[in-house]
Amino acid sequence: MPDSNTKEDELAGTEQPFVQHLMELRNRLVYCLIGLGIAMAALAIWPSPSGLIDIVAHPIRAHMPPGAKLIAVGVFSPFFVPLKVLMMAGVLLALPWLMYQIWAFVAPGLYSHEKRLAVPLIVFGSALAYIGIGFVQFFVLDKMFAFIQAVTPESVNATPDIASYVEAILGLYLAFGLAFQVPIVVMLLVRMEMVTIEKLKSFRGYFIVLAFVISAVITPPDVISQLALAVPMCLLYEAGIWGARFFVKYSRAPEDEEKAPSPDA
């Protein structure tokens, strides 16, 4: 006879057949595509693909000679480049919805104390991605192109191709959006008991070196953009260590509160 003090697993009996998991995955993917389509349709109406190009091109055009414009070398660039920007903007606009669909797919396999922090993580992760991309748009690109124009010889007319320009800045958007997820990664690593807070603290010096190496690899070869990525990564690492204390405490199962070791251990 089972011990009356043993608590029943709340997920017991909720297992689903593999085919049903595939159907659920298909439904979530369909919802993701619908949300992305709605976001792209809304952006196609306003500010429109050409308006989005004007927004992303503003940082470099602000440092080009008056009246200068970006050029389109490829035959189909005037069509495909705005479409690529529209798709990227649609993903950013629909990001909370896309992350919610991922959460909704895995939620049935989570305990109640784990579900409690899933939505805050989605909101926090989306906000960090938006902050990282906004940081690129309104600070990094402006300083980077100011530096490039300052070192451009007088005999050179800097008129970049729109396709290569968009490809470069989309790479920066992705790099900064992912780099700004450092607190989320740190908190999840601690929660999954892969590392401890004390180990993260001892790794601090190595992470600073790693952050500068990463920034040197994925950013243009100017000091401003490299510092603009490395310094926030170091600060976000510290924020992740601080936030991990609360994340571990409030996502721990109630029955584990007394027997679980301190997150600092």
C-alpha atoms as a PDB file:
ATOM      1  CA  MET A   1       0.000   0.000   0.000  1.00  0.00           C
ATOM      2  CA  PRO A   2       1.509   3.375  -1.002  1.00  0.00           C
ATOM      3  CA  ASP A   3       2.658   5.760   1.675  1.00  0.00           C
ATOM      4  CA  SER A   4      -0.062   8.311   2.453  1.00  0.00           C
ATOM      5  CA  ASN A   5       2.629  11.008   2.761  1.00  0.00           C
ATOM      6  CA  THR A   6       3.815  10.471  -0.791  1.00  0.00           C
ATOM      7  CA  LYS A   7       2.525  13.198  -3.069  1.00  0.00           C
ATOM      8  CA  GLU A   8       1.066  12.168  -6.367  1.00  0.00           C
ATOM      9  CA  ASP A   9       2.888  13.377  -9.462  1.00  0.00           C
ATOM     10  CA  GLU A  10       0.636  15.996 -11.059  1.00  0.00           C
ATOM     11  CA  LEU A  11       1.784  14.933 -14.535  1.00  0.00           C
ATOM     12  CA  ALA A  12       0.903  11.285 -13.971  1.00  0.00           C
ATOM     13  CA  GLY A  13      -1.565  10.066 -16.581  1.00  0.00           C
ATOM     14  CA  THR A  14      -1.128  13.072 -18.865  1.00  0.00           C
ATOM     15  CA  GLU A  15       1.140  11.298 -21.364  1.00  0.00           C
ATOM     16  CA  GLN A  16      -0.005  11.545 -24.976  1.00  0.00           C
ATOM     17  CA  PRO A  17       0.670   9.285 -27.982  1.00  0.00           C
ATOM     18  CA  PHE A  18       3.522  10.266 -30.301  1.00  0.00           C
ATOM     19  CA  VAL A  19       1.119  10.939 -33.174  1.00  0.00           C
ATOM     20  CA  GLN A  20      -0.815  13.378 -31.008  1.00  0.00           C
ATOM     21  CA  HIS A  21       2.450  15.209 -30.244  1.00  0.00           C
ATOM     22  CA  LEU A  22       3.082  15.526 -33.971  1.00  0.00           C
ATOM     23  CA  MET A  23      -0.424  16.880 -34.542  1.00  0.00           C
ATOM     24  CA  GLU A  24       0.064  19.403 -31.739  1.00  0.00           C
ATOM     25  CA  LEU A  25       3.400  20.447 -33.235  1.00  0.00           C
ATOM     26  CA  ARG A  26       1.745  20.868 -36.632  1.00  0.00           C
ATOM     27  CA  ASN A  27      -0.991  23.036 -35.117  1.00  0.00           C
ATOM     28  CA  ARG A  28       1.542  25.245 -33.326  1.00  0.00           C
ATOM     29  CA  LEU A  29       3.539  25.686 -36.527  1.00  0.00           C
ATOM     30  CA  VAL A  30       0.363  26.664 -38.362  1.00  0.00           C
ATOM     31  CA  TYR A  31      -0.446  29.216 -35.634  1.00  0.00           C
ATOM     32  CA  CYS A  32       3.088  30.587 -35.952  1.00  0.00           C
ATOM     33  CA  LEU A  33       2.705  31.009 -39.715  1.00  0.00           C
ATOM     34  CA  ILE A  34      -0.695  32.659 -39.294  1.00  0.00           C
ATOM     35  CA  GLY A  35       0.696  35.111 -36.733  1.00  0.00           C
ATOM     36  CA  LEU A  36       3.701  35.850 -38.946  1.00  0.00           C
ATOM     37  CA  GLY A  37       1.429  36.370 -41.950  1.00  0.00           C
ATOM     38  CA  ILE A  38      -0.779  38.819 -40.036  1.00  0.00           C
ATOM     39  CA  ALA A  39       2.270  40.737 -38.809  1.00  0.00           C
ATOM     40  CA  MET A  40       3.733  40.952 -42.322  1.00  0.00           C
ATOM     41  CA  ALA A  41       0.385  42.033 -43.773  1.00  0.00           C
ATOM     42  CA  ALA A  42       0.062  44.788 -41.172  1.00  0.00           C
ATOM     43  CA  LEU A  43       3.608  46.017 -41.862  1.00  0.00           C
ATOM     44  CA  ALA A  44       2.994  45.847 -45.618  1.00  0.00           C
ATOM     45  CA  ILE A  45       0.140  48.310 -45.140  1.00  0.00           C
ATOM     46  CA  TRP A  46       2.089  50.567 -42.767  1.00  0.00           C
ATOM     47  CA  PRO A  47       4.839  51.621 -42.922  1.00  0.00           C
ATOM     48  CA  SER A  48       5.057  49.493 -46.142  1.00  0.00           C
ATOM     49  CA  PRO A  49       8.186  47.700 -47.436  1.00  0.00           C
ATOM     50  CA  SER A  50       9.663  50.909 -48.821  1.00  0.00           C
ATOM     51  CA  GLY A  51       9.007  52.633 -45.499  1.00  0.00           C
ATOM     52  CA  LEU A  52      10.815  49.829 -43.674  1.00  0.00           C
ATOM     53  CA  ILE A  53      13.779  50.217 -46.036  1.00  0.00           C
ATOM     54  CA  ASP A  54      13.867  53.944 -45.246  1.00  0.00           C
ATOM     55  CA  ILE A  55      13.928  53.121 -41.520  1.00  0.00           C
ATOM     56  CA  VAL A  56      16.752  50.593 -41.698  1.00  0.00           C
ATOM     57  CA  ALA A  57      18.722  52.779 -44.143  1.00  0.00           C
ATOM     58  CA  HIS A  58      18.479  55.894 -41.996  1.00  0.00           C
ATOM     59  CA  PRO A  59      21.651  55.243 -39.920  1.00  0.00           C
ATOM     60  CA  ILE A  60      23.912  55.103 -42.973  1.00  0.00           C
ATOM     61  CA  ARG A  61      22.135  57.766 -45.010  1.00  0.00           C
ATOM     62  CA  ALA A  62      22.563  60.187 -42.110  1.00  0.00           C
ATOM     63  CA  HIS A  63      26.329  60.011 -42.724  1.00  0.00           C
ATOM     64  CA  MET A  64      26.264  60.056 -46.531  1.00  0.00           C
ATOM     65  CA  PRO A  65      26.567  63.229 -48.611  1.00  0.00           C
ATOM     66  CA  PRO A  66      23.306  65.164 -49.089  1.00  0.00           C
ATOM     67  CA  GLY A  67      21.165  63.609 -51.796  1.00  0.00           C
ATOM     68  CA  ALA A  68      23.201  60.378 -51.903  1.00  0.00           C
ATOM     69  CA  LYS A  69      21.292  57.098 -51.983  1.00  0.00           C
ATOM     70  CA  LEU A  70      22.051  53.440 -51.635  1.00  0.00           C
ATOM     71  CA  ILE A  71      22.383  51.550 -54.902  1.00  0.00           C
ATOM     72  CA  ALA A  72      20.869  48.265 -56.093  1.00  0.00           C
ATOM     73  CA  VAL A  73      23.426  46.241 -58.039  1.00  0.00           C
ATOM     74  CA  GLY A  74      21.377  43.067 -58.467  1.00  0.00           C
ATOM     75  CA  VAL A  75      18.613  42.940 -61.055  1.00  0.00           C
ATOM     76  CA  PHE A  76      16.027  41.698 -58.550  1.00  0.00           C
ATOM     77  CA  SER A  77      17.392  43.493 -55.478  1.00  0.00           C
ATOM     78  CA  PRO A  78      14.726  46.246 -55.555  1.00  0.00           C
ATOM     79  CA  PHE A  79      12.092  43.513 -55.077  1.00  0.00           C
ATOM     80  CA  PHE A  80      13.752  40.890 -52.872  1.00  0.00           C
ATOM     81  CA  VAL A  81      15.524  43.210 -50.416  1.00  0.00           C
ATOM     82  CA  PRO A  82      12.325  44.975 -49.232  1.00  0.00           C
ATOM     83  CA  LEU A  83      10.670  41.542 -49.002  1.00  0.00           C
ATOM     84  CA  LYS A  84      13.524  40.267 -46.808  1.00  0.00           C
ATOM     85  CA  VAL A  85      13.254  43.329 -44.564  1.00  0.00           C
ATOM     86  CA  LEU A  86       9.474  42.904 -44.378  1.00  0.00           C
ATOM     87  CA  MET A  87       9.871  39.270 -43.322  1.00  0.00           C
ATOM     88  CA  MET A  88      12.452  40.155 -40.671  1.00  0.00           C
ATOM     89  CA  ALA A  89      10.260  42.943 -39.315  1.00  0.00           C
ATOM     90  CA  GLY A  90       7.297  40.557 -39.273  1.00  0.00           C
ATOM     91  CA  VAL A  91       9.259  38.047 -37.198  1.00  0.00           C
ATOM     92  CA  LEU A  92      10.182  40.787 -34.719  1.00  0.00           C
ATOM     93  CA  LEU A  93       6.606  42.035 -34.473  1.00  0.00           C
ATOM     94  CA  ALA A  94       5.239  38.516 -33.979  1.00  0.00           C
ATOM     95  CA  LEU A  95       8.063  37.400 -31.658  1.00  0.00           C
ATOM     96  CA  PRO A  96       5.963  37.241 -28.444  1.00  0.00           C
ATOM     97  CA  TRP A  97       3.313  35.231 -30.293  1.00  0.00           C
ATOM     98  CA  LEU A  98       5.922  32.843 -31.717  1.00  0.00           C
ATOM     99  CA  MET A  99       7.505  32.331 -28.301  1.00  0.00           C
ATOM    100  CA  TYR A 100       4.061  31.758 -26.787  1.00  0.00           C
ATOM    101  CA  GLN A 101       3.404  28.973 -29.300  1.00  0.00           C
ATOM    102  CA  ILE A 102       6.655  27.301 -28.283  1.00  0.00           C
ATOM    103  CA  TRP A 103       5.626  27.583 -24.631  1.00  0.00           C
ATOM    104  CA  ALA A 104       2.134  26.242 -25.368  1.00  0.00           C
ATOM    105  CA  PHE A 105       3.671  23.193 -27.037  1.00  0.00           C
ATOM    106  CA  VAL A 106       5.898  22.288 -24.075  1.00  0.00           C
ATOM    107  CA  ALA A 107       3.538  23.486 -21.313  1.00  0.00           C
ATOM    108  CA  PRO A 108       1.669  20.162 -20.897  1.00  0.00           C
ATOM    109  CA  GLY A 109       4.959  18.583 -19.822  1.00  0.00           C
ATOM    110  CA  LEU A 110       5.719  21.226 -17.200  1.00  0.00           C
ATOM    111  CA  TYR A 111       4.825  21.231 -13.528  1.00  0.00           C
ATOM    112  CA  SER A 112       2.727  24.064 -12.138  1.00  0.00           C
ATOM    113  CA  HIS A 113       5.735  25.690 -10.442  1.00  0.00           C
ATOM    114  CA  GLU A 114       7.573  25.616 -13.784  1.00  0.00           C
ATOM    115  CA  LYS A 115       4.643  27.102 -15.700  1.00  0.00           C
ATOM    116  CA  ARG A 116       4.534  29.983 -13.232  1.00  0.00           C
ATOM    117  CA  LEU A 117       7.714  31.494 -14.635  1.00  0.00           C
ATOM    118  CA  ALA A 118       7.347  30.445 -18.280  1.00  0.00           C
ATOM    119  CA  VAL A 119       5.338  33.509 -19.310  1.00  0.00           C
ATOM    120  CA  PRO A 120       7.655  35.991 -17.516  1.00  0.00           C
ATOM    121  CA  LEU A 121      10.592  34.376 -19.317  1.00  0.00           C
ATOM    122  CA  ILE A 122       8.817  34.810 -22.654  1.00  0.00           C
ATOM    123  CA  VAL A 123       8.096  38.469 -21.927  1.00  0.00           C
ATOM    124  CA  PHE A 124      11.576  39.097 -20.565  1.00  0.00           C
ATOM    125  CA  GLY A 125      13.268  37.320 -23.474  1.00  0.00           C
ATOM    126  CA  SER A 126      11.221  39.232 -26.055  1.00  0.00           C
ATOM    127  CA  ALA A 127      11.941  42.534 -24.317  1.00  0.00           C
ATOM    128  CA  LEU A 128      15.682  41.802 -24.266  1.00  0.00           C
ATOM    129  CA  ALA A 129      15.615  40.968 -27.982  1.00  0.00           C
ATOM    130  CA  TYR A 130      13.809  44.245 -28.756  1.00  0.00           C
ATOM    131  CA  ILE A 131      16.253  46.198 -26.588  1.00  0.00           C
ATOM    132  CA  GLY A 132      19.229  44.601 -28.327  1.00  0.00           C
ATOM    133  CA  ILE A 133      17.884  45.369 -31.809  1.00  0.00           C
ATOM    134  CA  GLY A 134      16.911  48.906 -30.797  1.00  0.00           C
ATOM    135  CA  PHE A 135      20.406  49.393 -29.387  1.00  0.00           C
ATOM    136  CA  VAL A 136      21.842  48.450 -32.782  1.00  0.00           C
ATOM    137  CA  GLN A 137      19.460  50.696 -34.720  1.00  0.00           C
ATOM    138  CA  PHE A 138      19.733  53.843 -32.630  1.00  0.00           C
ATOM    139  CA  PHE A 139      23.304  53.680 -31.303  1.00  0.00           C
ATOM    140  CA  VAL A 140      25.645  51.091 -32.814  1.00  0.00           C
ATOM    141  CA  LEU A 141      24.918  51.757 -36.497  1.00  0.00           C
ATOM    142  CA  ASP A 142      25.109  55.513 -36.066  1.00  0.00           C
ATOM    143  CA  LYS A 143      28.516  55.358 -34.358  1.00  0.00           C
ATOM    144  CA  MET A 144      29.804  52.671 -36.719  1.00  0.00           C
ATOM    145  CA  PHE A 145      28.931  54.531 -39.918  1.00  0.00           C
ATOM    146  CA  ALA A 146      30.227  57.798 -38.498  1.00  0.00           C
ATOM    147  CA  PHE A 147      33.572  56.049 -37.960  1.00  0.00           C
ATOM    148  CA  ILE A 148      33.530  54.475 -41.445  1.00  0.00           C
ATOM    149  CA  GLN A 149      32.744  57.765 -43.142  1.00  0.00           C
ATOM    150  CA  ALA A 150      35.437  59.505 -41.106  1.00  0.00           C
ATOM    151  CA  VAL A 151      38.158  57.142 -42.368  1.00  0.00           C
ATOM    152  CA  THR A 152      36.884  56.973 -45.975  1.00  0.00           C
ATOM    153  CA  PRO A 153      39.355  58.696 -48.339  1.00  0.00           C
ATOM    154  CA  GLU A 154      38.166  61.806 -50.158  1.00  0.00           C
ATOM    155  CA  SER A 155      38.707  60.077 -53.489  1.00  0.00           C
ATOM    156  CA  VAL A 156      36.232  57.305 -52.591  1.00  0.00           C
ATOM    157  CA  ASN A 157      32.486  57.741 -53.008  1.00  0.00           C
ATOM    158  CA  ALA A 158      30.887  55.447 -50.373  1.00  0.00           C
ATOM    159  CA  THR A 159      27.589  54.309 -51.929  1.00  0.00           C
ATOM    160  CA  PRO A 160      26.917  50.793 -50.574  1.00  0.00           C
ATOM    161  CA  ASP A 161      24.726  48.229 -52.282  1.00  0.00           C
ATOM    162  CA  ILE A 162      21.358  47.916 -50.544  1.00  0.00           C
ATOM    163  CA  ALA A 163      21.507  44.093 -50.534  1.00  0.00           C
ATOM    164  CA  SER A 164      24.912  43.919 -48.813  1.00  0.00           C
ATOM    165  CA  TYR A 165      23.879  46.686 -46.410  1.00  0.00           C
ATOM    166  CA  VAL A 166      20.678  44.907 -45.357  1.00  0.00           C
ATOM    167  CA  GLU A 167      22.518  41.604 -45.005  1.00  0.00           C
ATOM    168  CA  ALA A 168      25.112  43.254 -42.743  1.00  0.00           C
ATOM    169  CA  ILE A 169      22.641  45.002 -40.448  1.00  0.00           C
ATOM    170  CA  LEU A 170      20.351  41.962 -40.215  1.00  0.00           C
ATOM    171  CA  GLY A 171      23.391  40.026 -39.042  1.00  0.00           C
ATOM    172  CA  LEU A 172      23.988  42.673 -36.373  1.00  0.00           C
ATOM    173  CA  TYR A 173      20.318  42.608 -35.341  1.00  0.00           C
ATOM    174  CA  LEU A 174      20.503  38.829 -34.907  1.00  0.00           C
ATOM    175  CA  ALA A 175      23.844  38.969 -33.076  1.00  0.00           C
ATOM    176  CA  PHE A 176      22.720  41.610 -30.587  1.00  0.00           C
ATOM    177  CA  GLY A 177      19.269  40.068 -30.159  1.00  0.00           C
ATOM    178  CA  LEU A 178      20.868  36.742 -29.211  1.00  0.00           C
ATOM    179  CA  ALA A 179      23.648  38.308 -27.127  1.00  0.00           C
ATOM    180  CA  PHE A 180      21.082  40.156 -25.034  1.00  0.00           C
ATOM    181  CA  GLN A 181      19.626  36.765 -24.034  1.00  0.00           C
ATOM    182  CA  VAL A 182      22.608  36.158 -21.712  1.00  0.00           C
ATOM    183  CA  PRO A 183      20.525  36.606 -18.500  1.00  0.00           C
ATOM    184  CA  ILE A 184      17.973  34.055 -19.703  1.00  0.00           C
ATOM    185  CA  VAL A 185      20.690  31.504 -20.489  1.00  0.00           C
ATOM    186  CA  VAL A 186      22.427  32.073 -17.146  1.00  0.00           C
ATOM    187  CA  MET A 187      19.218  31.679 -15.146  1.00  0.00           C
ATOM    188  CA  LEU A 188      18.211  28.515 -17.014  1.00  0.00           C
ATOM    189  CA  LEU A 189      21.653  26.964 -16.523  1.00  0.00           C
ATOM    190  CA  VAL A 190      21.405  27.562 -12.789  1.00  0.00           C
ATOM    191  CA  ARG A 191      17.821  26.301 -12.646  1.00  0.00           C
ATOM    192  CA  MET A 192      18.780  23.116 -14.508  1.00  0.00           C
ATOM    193  CA  GLU A 193      21.600  22.662 -11.978  1.00  0.00           C
ATOM    194  CA  MET A 194      24.232  22.593 -14.703  1.00  0.00           C
ATOM    195  CA  VAL A 195      26.208  25.311 -12.912  1.00  0.00           C
ATOM    196  CA  THR A 196      26.034  27.090  -9.573  1.00  0.00           C
ATOM    197  CA  ILE A 197      26.060  30.795  -8.863  1.00  0.00           C
ATOM    198  CA  GLU A 198      29.466  30.477  -7.213  1.00  0.00           C
ATOM    199  CA  LYS A 199      30.869  28.871 -10.352  1.00  0.00           C
ATOM    200  CA  LEU A 200      29.382  31.642 -12.467  1.00  0.00           C
ATOM    201  CA  LYS A 201      31.054  34.203 -10.236  1.00  0.00           C
ATOM    202  CA  SER A 202      34.412  32.460 -10.552  1.00  0.00           C
ATOM    203  CA  PHE A 203      33.940  32.320 -14.342  1.00  0.00           C
ATOM    204  CA  ARG A 204      33.333  36.087 -14.500  1.00  0.00           C
ATOM    205  CA  GLY A 205      36.850  36.957 -15.667  1.00  0.00           C
ATOM    206  CA  TYR A 206      36.790  34.314 -18.403  1.00  0.00           C
ATOM    207  CA  PHE A 207      33.385  35.510 -19.579  1.00  0.00           C
ATOM    208  CA  ILE A 208      34.699  39.063 -19.982  1.00  0.00           C
ATOM    209  CA  VAL A 209      37.453  37.756 -22.260  1.00  0.00           C
ATOM    210  CA  LEU A 210      34.923  35.563 -24.092  1.00  0.00           C
ATOM    211  CA  ALA A 211      32.565  38.516 -24.594  1.00  0.00           C
ATOM    212  CA  PHE A 212      35.305  40.606 -26.193  1.00  0.00           C
ATOM    213  CA  VAL A 213      36.354  37.690 -28.418  1.00  0.00           C
ATOM    214  CA  ILE A 214      32.759  37.166 -29.571  1.00  0.00           C
ATOM    215  CA  SER A 215      32.269  40.884 -30.223  1.00  0.00           C
ATOM    216  CA  ALA A 216      35.523  41.017 -32.207  1.00  0.00           C
ATOM    217  CA  VAL A 217      34.353  38.143 -34.410  1.00  0.00           C
ATOM    218  CA  ILE A 218      30.748  39.152 -35.140  1.00  0.00           C
ATOM    219  CA  THR A 219      30.997  42.950 -35.263  1.00  0.00           C
ATOM    220  CA  PRO A 220      32.782  45.187 -37.795  1.00  0.00           C
ATOM    221  CA  PRO A 221      36.446  45.976 -37.065  1.00  0.00           C
ATOM    222  CA  ASP A 222      35.863  49.222 -35.199  1.00  0.00           C
ATOM    223  CA  VAL A 223      36.329  49.702 -31.492  1.00  0.00           C
ATOM    224  CA  ILE A 224      32.955  51.362 -30.898  1.00  0.00           C
ATOM    225  CA  SER A 225      30.774  48.505 -32.184  1.00  0.00           C
ATOM    226  CA  GLN A 226      32.943  45.906 -30.427  1.00  0.00           C
ATOM    227  CA  LEU A 227      32.648  47.720 -27.098  1.00  0.00           C
ATOM    228  CA  ALA A 228      28.927  48.259 -27.751  1.00  0.00           C
ATOM    229  CA  LEU A 229      28.421  44.484 -27.760  1.00  0.00           C
ATOM    230  CA  ALA A 230      31.019  43.310 -25.225  1.00  0.00           C
ATOM    231  CA  VAL A 231      30.150  45.751 -22.425  1.00  0.00           C
ATOM    232  CA  PRO A 232      26.381  45.022 -22.430  1.00  0.00           C
ATOM    233  CA  MET A 233      27.116  41.272 -22.495  1.00  0.00           C
ATOM    234  CA  CYS A 234      29.255  41.623 -19.355  1.00  0.00           C
ATOM    235  CA  LEU A 235      26.571  43.685 -17.617  1.00  0.00           C
ATOM    236  CA  LEU A 236      23.849  41.231 -18.647  1.00  0.00           C
ATOM    237  CA  TYR A 237      25.963  38.361 -17.321  1.00  0.00           C
ATOM    238  CA  GLU A 238      25.975  40.050 -13.929  1.00  0.00           C
ATOM    239  CA  ALA A 239      22.225  40.626 -14.221  1.00  0.00           C
ATOM    240  CA  GLY A 240      21.759  36.927 -14.966  1.00  0.00           C
ATOM    241  CA  ILE A 241      23.706  35.930 -11.845  1.00  0.00           C
ATOM    242  CA  TRP A 242      21.588  38.267  -9.747  1.00  0.00           C
ATOM    243  CA  GLY A 243      18.336  37.115 -11.324  1.00  0.00           C
ATOM    244  CA  ALA A 244      19.226  33.438 -10.996  1.00  0.00           C
ATOM    245  CA  ARG A 245      18.813  33.635  -7.207  1.00  0.00           C
ATOM    246  CA  PHE A 246      15.146  34.613  -7.531  1.00  0.00           C
ATOM    247  CA  PHE A 247      14.497  32.379 -10.528  1.00  0.00           C
ATOM    248  CA  VAL A 248      15.699  29.259  -8.719  1.00  0.00           C
ATOM    249  CA  LYS A 249      13.789  30.149  -5.563  1.00  0.00           C
ATOM    250  CA  TYR A 250      10.415  30.797  -7.207  1.00  0.00           C
ATOM    251  CA  SER A 251      10.564  27.982  -9.756  1.00  0.00           C
ATOM    252  CA  ARG A 252      11.443  25.286  -7.225  1.00  0.00           C
ATOM    253  CA  ALA A 253       8.873  22.641  -6.417  1.00  0.00           C
ATOM    254  CA  PRO A 254       7.173  23.236  -3.042  1.00  0.00           C
ATOM    255  CA  GLU A 255       8.239  19.818  -1.721  1.00  0.00           C
ATOM    256  CA  ASP A 256      11.873  20.611  -2.557  1.00  0.00           C
ATOM    257  CA  GLU A 257      12.044  23.893  -0.654  1.00  0.00           C
ATOM    258  CA  GLU A 258      13.404  22.405   2.557  1.00  0.00           C
ATOM    259  CA  LYS A 259      15.760  19.771   1.166  1.00  0.00           C
ATOM    260  CA  ALA A 260      17.155  21.786  -1.769  1.00  0.00           C
ATOM    261  CA  PRO A 261      20.593  23.375  -1.247  1.00  0.00           C
ATOM    262  CA  SER A 262      21.074  27.100  -1.529  1.00  0.00           C
ATOM    263  CA  PRO A 263      21.633  28.313  -5.128  1.00  0.00           C
ATOM    264  CA  ASP A 264      24.878  29.870  -3.953  1.00  0.00           C
ATOM    265  CA  ALA A 265      26.306  26.480  -3.033  1.00  0.00           C
END
